[in-house]
Amino acid sequence: MAPHPLFDLTGKVALITGGSRGLGQQMALAFADAGADVIVSSRKADACEAVADEIRAKGRRAAALPAHAGRWDEMDALADAAYERFGRIDLLVANAGMGPLVPSHEVSETLFDSVVSLNFKGPFRLMANVAHRMSQGDGGAIIATSSIASLMPTPQVVPYAGAKAALNATIISLAREYGPKVRINAIAAGPFLTDIANAWEAEARETAPNAAGRPGRPEEIVTTALWLASPASSFVTGTIVRCDGGMR
């Protein structure tokens, strides 16, 4: 079935970090279904290649470009490799991230730096680099995966919540800096049943303190991401969109 014209990504090239599993994998496959060619990036080359194979099976071009999304130089190298392979990037999803649950007084400097690098420093570098190139060309759309923790922080996630709040500020600033040719938004994701949910208590996998009363299924991120990536959201930029089942 062909995508609705407003959600048609035919001819677009998308780069997705953290694209080999969880929400990133769902977005990578959905973008391919909507017509995009997709570059999949995460730390593990074999995991990236597996998703790239799924995309090729849909009749789209795909590339697996492994990189550590928290490292400045690797984000520069990723952008260079993506442009060398496809000639351009029309859509970027800075999705890679992690949020360990740790009592604040037990957070080590190493853990703090790792969480901030992966959720703020690396995404900033990649988005700024790609936004600049997009602004010099035909423009594009950038999406960052933020977290409801950036808006409603809970105990024991201080480095993560702080890094995601910084990411939110980055989105608003970059949107103003590189608009109007580049639209830049974030998705504040709530609890989703990705692989991290395997460590949750059984009740947390069934219920959530939100209006929906449950965690989200990974595929439920797709329509929000497609909306922000496509012409359907042509007047939406510099915005943090909640996709959290109505957290309270």
Protein backbone atom coordinates (compact mmCIF):
# COMPACT_ATOMS: atom_id res chain seq x y z
CA MET A 1 0.00 0.00 0.00
CA ALA A 2 1.38 3.40 -0.99
CA PRO A 3 1.79 5.94 1.85
CA HIS A 4 -0.57 8.88 2.09
CA PRO A 5 0.93 11.81 0.11
CA LEU A 6 1.47 13.85 3.29
CA PHE A 7 3.52 11.00 4.77
CA ASP A 8 5.33 10.00 1.59
CA LEU A 9 9.13 9.87 2.04
CA THR A 10 9.89 8.53 -1.43
CA GLY A 11 13.32 9.64 -2.60
CA LYS A 12 14.42 10.80 0.85
CA VAL A 13 17.55 9.60 2.63
CA ALA A 14 17.25 9.06 6.38
CA LEU A 15 19.99 8.54 8.96
CA ILE A 16 18.91 6.98 12.25
CA THR A 17 21.19 6.50 15.25
CA GLY A 18 20.28 3.76 17.67
CA GLY A 19 18.55 2.27 14.65
CA SER A 20 19.33 -1.38 15.23
CA ARG A 21 16.79 -2.04 18.00
CA GLY A 22 13.87 -0.62 19.97
CA LEU A 23 12.32 2.65 18.89
CA GLY A 24 15.07 3.35 16.37
CA GLN A 25 14.52 0.07 14.57
CA GLN A 26 10.79 0.71 14.38
CA MET A 27 11.41 4.16 12.88
CA ALA A 28 13.95 2.81 10.40
CA LEU A 29 11.52 0.19 9.09
CA ALA A 30 8.61 2.64 9.01
CA PHE A 31 10.61 5.23 7.08
CA ALA A 32 11.51 2.52 4.55
CA ASP A 33 7.84 1.55 4.24
CA ALA A 34 7.10 5.23 3.52
CA GLY A 35 9.64 5.20 0.68
CA ALA A 36 12.89 6.41 2.26
CA ASP A 37 16.36 4.95 1.86
CA VAL A 38 17.78 4.43 5.34
CA ILE A 39 21.21 4.54 6.96
CA VAL A 40 21.19 2.52 10.18
CA SER A 41 23.73 3.35 12.86
CA SER A 42 24.49 1.90 16.29
CA ARG A 43 27.58 0.56 18.01
CA LYS A 44 27.25 -3.02 16.72
CA ALA A 45 27.92 -3.50 13.00
CA ASP A 46 26.15 -6.86 12.75
CA ALA A 47 22.99 -5.47 14.38
CA CYS A 48 22.98 -2.53 11.98
CA GLU A 49 23.45 -4.84 9.01
CA ALA A 50 20.53 -7.03 10.09
CA VAL A 51 18.14 -4.06 10.04
CA ALA A 52 19.66 -2.82 6.77
CA ASP A 53 18.89 -6.23 5.25
CA GLU A 54 15.24 -5.87 6.34
CA ILE A 55 15.11 -2.48 4.64
CA ARG A 56 16.64 -3.81 1.43
CA ALA A 57 14.01 -6.56 1.45
CA LYS A 58 11.42 -3.79 1.22
CA GLY A 59 13.04 -2.60 -2.02
CA ARG A 60 14.83 0.39 -0.51
CA ARG A 61 18.53 1.23 -0.38
CA ALA A 62 20.16 0.82 3.00
CA ALA A 63 23.56 1.15 4.65
CA ALA A 64 24.91 0.01 8.00
CA LEU A 65 27.32 2.57 9.47
CA PRO A 66 28.32 1.63 13.03
CA ALA A 67 29.34 4.44 15.40
CA HIS A 68 29.26 5.34 19.08
CA ALA A 69 26.63 8.09 19.33
CA GLY A 70 28.25 9.63 22.40
CA ARG A 71 31.61 10.35 20.79
CA TRP A 72 32.20 13.68 19.06
CA ASP A 73 34.69 12.42 16.48
CA GLU A 74 32.59 9.37 15.61
CA MET A 75 29.56 11.58 14.98
CA ASP A 76 31.66 13.67 12.59
CA ALA A 77 32.84 10.50 10.86
CA LEU A 78 29.27 9.17 10.66
CA ALA A 79 28.01 12.32 8.96
CA ASP A 80 30.92 12.26 6.50
CA ALA A 81 30.34 8.58 5.70
CA ALA A 82 26.60 9.08 5.20
CA TYR A 83 27.10 11.97 2.78
CA GLU A 84 29.83 10.07 0.96
CA ARG A 85 27.56 7.03 0.55
CA PHE A 86 24.30 8.75 -0.45
CA GLY A 87 25.28 12.31 -1.32
CA ARG A 88 22.86 13.90 1.12
CA ILE A 89 20.74 13.43 4.24
CA ASP A 90 17.13 14.59 4.12
CA LEU A 91 16.01 13.15 7.46
CA LEU A 92 18.01 12.65 10.63
CA VAL A 93 16.78 10.88 13.75
CA ALA A 94 19.14 11.29 16.70
CA ASN A 95 17.65 8.43 18.65
CA ALA A 96 20.49 6.71 20.52
CA GLY A 97 20.39 7.12 24.28
CA MET A 98 20.36 5.41 27.67
CA GLY A 99 18.95 6.18 31.11
CA PRO A 100 20.20 3.96 33.93
CA LEU A 101 18.30 4.07 37.21
CA VAL A 102 20.89 4.90 39.88
CA PRO A 103 20.63 6.65 43.28
CA SER A 104 22.17 10.08 42.79
CA HIS A 105 24.77 9.67 45.54
CA GLU A 106 26.02 6.51 43.81
CA VAL A 107 26.51 8.10 40.36
CA SER A 108 30.18 7.98 39.41
CA GLU A 109 31.86 10.61 37.28
CA THR A 110 32.40 8.00 34.59
CA LEU A 111 28.70 7.11 34.49
CA PHE A 112 27.68 10.79 34.56
CA ASP A 113 29.97 11.61 31.63
CA SER A 114 28.78 8.56 29.67
CA VAL A 115 25.09 9.42 30.10
CA VAL A 116 25.56 13.09 29.22
CA SER A 117 27.73 12.26 26.22
CA LEU A 118 25.26 9.79 24.74
CA ASN A 119 22.12 11.81 25.40
CA PHE A 120 23.40 15.34 24.81
CA LYS A 121 26.96 15.84 23.53
CA GLY A 122 26.89 13.32 20.68
CA PRO A 123 23.39 14.20 19.45
CA PHE A 124 24.26 17.90 19.56
CA ARG A 125 27.34 17.39 17.43
CA LEU A 126 25.59 15.22 14.85
CA MET A 127 22.51 17.45 14.59
CA ALA A 128 24.54 20.66 14.30
CA ASN A 129 26.77 19.13 11.64
CA VAL A 130 23.90 17.75 9.57
CA ALA A 131 21.66 20.81 10.06
CA HIS A 132 24.44 23.03 8.68
CA ARG A 133 24.81 20.85 5.60
CA MET A 134 21.04 20.65 5.13
CA SER A 135 20.76 24.44 5.33
CA GLN A 136 23.33 24.80 2.56
CA GLY A 137 21.37 22.38 0.36
CA ASP A 138 17.70 21.58 -0.05
CA GLY A 139 16.86 21.58 3.65
CA GLY A 140 15.49 18.69 5.67
CA ALA A 141 13.97 17.53 8.92
CA ILE A 142 15.69 16.45 12.13
CA ILE A 143 14.11 14.57 15.04
CA ALA A 144 15.71 13.85 18.39
CA THR A 145 14.40 11.21 20.76
CA SER A 146 14.03 12.92 24.11
CA SER A 147 12.22 11.62 27.18
CA ILE A 148 9.30 12.52 29.38
CA ALA A 149 11.93 12.51 32.15
CA SER A 150 13.16 15.81 30.72
CA LEU A 151 9.79 17.37 31.55
CA MET A 152 8.71 15.29 34.55
CA PRO A 153 11.91 14.14 36.26
CA THR A 154 11.62 11.23 38.67
CA PRO A 155 14.10 10.06 41.33
CA GLN A 156 17.38 8.35 40.43
CA VAL A 157 17.61 9.60 36.84
CA VAL A 158 19.31 12.96 37.40
CA PRO A 159 22.08 12.71 34.73
CA TYR A 160 19.62 11.30 32.18
CA ALA A 161 16.84 13.79 32.89
CA GLY A 162 19.32 16.67 32.87
CA ALA A 163 20.89 15.55 29.59
CA LYS A 164 17.50 15.17 27.92
CA ALA A 165 16.43 18.60 29.19
CA ALA A 166 19.59 20.00 27.62
CA LEU A 167 18.68 18.15 24.43
CA ASN A 168 15.26 19.85 24.46
CA ALA A 169 16.92 23.26 24.70
CA THR A 170 19.24 22.26 21.87
CA ILE A 171 16.28 21.43 19.63
CA ILE A 172 14.68 24.82 20.14
CA SER A 173 17.95 26.69 19.60
CA LEU A 174 18.99 24.72 16.51
CA ALA A 175 15.54 25.12 14.96
CA ARG A 176 15.89 28.89 15.18
CA GLU A 177 19.48 28.81 13.98
CA TYR A 178 18.99 26.64 10.89
CA GLY A 179 15.40 27.45 9.94
CA PRO A 180 13.51 27.94 7.78
CA LYS A 181 15.11 25.33 5.51
CA VAL A 182 15.63 22.84 8.32
CA ARG A 183 12.86 21.76 10.71
CA ILE A 184 14.08 20.37 14.05
CA ASN A 185 11.86 18.75 16.68
CA ALA A 186 12.03 16.21 19.49
CA ILE A 187 9.82 13.39 20.71
CA ALA A 188 9.51 13.22 24.50
CA ALA A 189 8.98 9.48 24.76
CA GLY A 190 7.27 7.90 27.72
CA PRO A 191 7.67 4.29 28.88
CA PHE A 192 7.98 1.91 25.93
CA LEU A 193 8.28 -1.86 25.91
CA THR A 194 11.70 -1.98 24.26
CA ASP A 195 14.42 -4.35 25.44
CA ILE A 196 15.10 -2.15 28.48
CA ALA A 197 11.68 -3.15 29.78
CA ASN A 198 13.03 -6.64 30.40
CA ALA A 199 14.60 -5.27 33.59
CA TRP A 200 11.31 -3.77 34.84
CA GLU A 201 9.05 -5.31 37.41
CA ALA A 202 6.20 -7.32 35.88
CA GLU A 203 3.60 -4.72 36.93
CA ALA A 204 5.53 -1.93 35.18
CA ARG A 205 5.36 -3.89 31.94
CA GLU A 206 1.58 -4.05 32.21
CA THR A 207 0.60 -0.67 33.69
CA ALA A 208 1.91 2.90 33.72
CA PRO A 209 0.98 6.14 35.53
CA ASN A 210 -0.49 7.70 32.41
CA ALA A 211 -3.91 8.26 30.89
CA ALA A 212 -3.49 5.19 28.68
CA GLY A 213 -2.80 3.08 31.74
CA ARG A 214 0.01 1.13 30.06
CA PRO A 215 3.46 1.40 28.49
CA GLY A 216 3.68 1.98 24.77
CA ARG A 217 4.49 -0.67 22.22
CA PRO A 218 7.60 0.22 20.18
CA GLU A 219 5.61 0.50 16.95
CA GLU A 220 3.47 3.21 18.54
CA ILE A 221 6.31 5.71 18.15
CA VAL A 222 6.04 5.38 14.37
CA THR A 223 3.18 7.74 13.56
CA THR A 224 4.67 10.55 15.64
CA ALA A 225 8.04 10.11 13.94
CA LEU A 226 6.50 9.92 10.46
CA TRP A 227 4.48 13.07 11.13
CA LEU A 228 7.58 15.02 12.21
CA ALA A 229 9.68 13.69 9.31
CA SER A 230 7.13 14.33 6.59
CA PRO A 231 5.36 17.28 4.93
CA ALA A 232 2.42 16.59 7.25
CA SER A 233 4.22 18.71 9.89
CA SER A 234 5.49 21.44 7.60
CA PHE A 235 4.65 24.22 10.10
CA VAL A 236 6.02 22.39 13.16
CA THR A 237 9.58 23.14 14.30
CA GLY A 238 11.40 23.86 17.53
CA THR A 239 8.85 21.73 19.37
CA ILE A 240 8.99 18.95 21.96
CA VAL A 241 6.16 16.52 21.14
CA ARG A 242 5.04 14.19 23.92
CA CYS A 243 4.41 10.56 22.98
CA ASP A 244 3.87 9.11 26.43
CA GLY A 245 0.30 7.89 26.79
CA GLY A 246 -0.57 10.99 28.83
CA MET A 247 1.95 10.79 31.69
CA ARG A 248 0.97 12.65 34.83
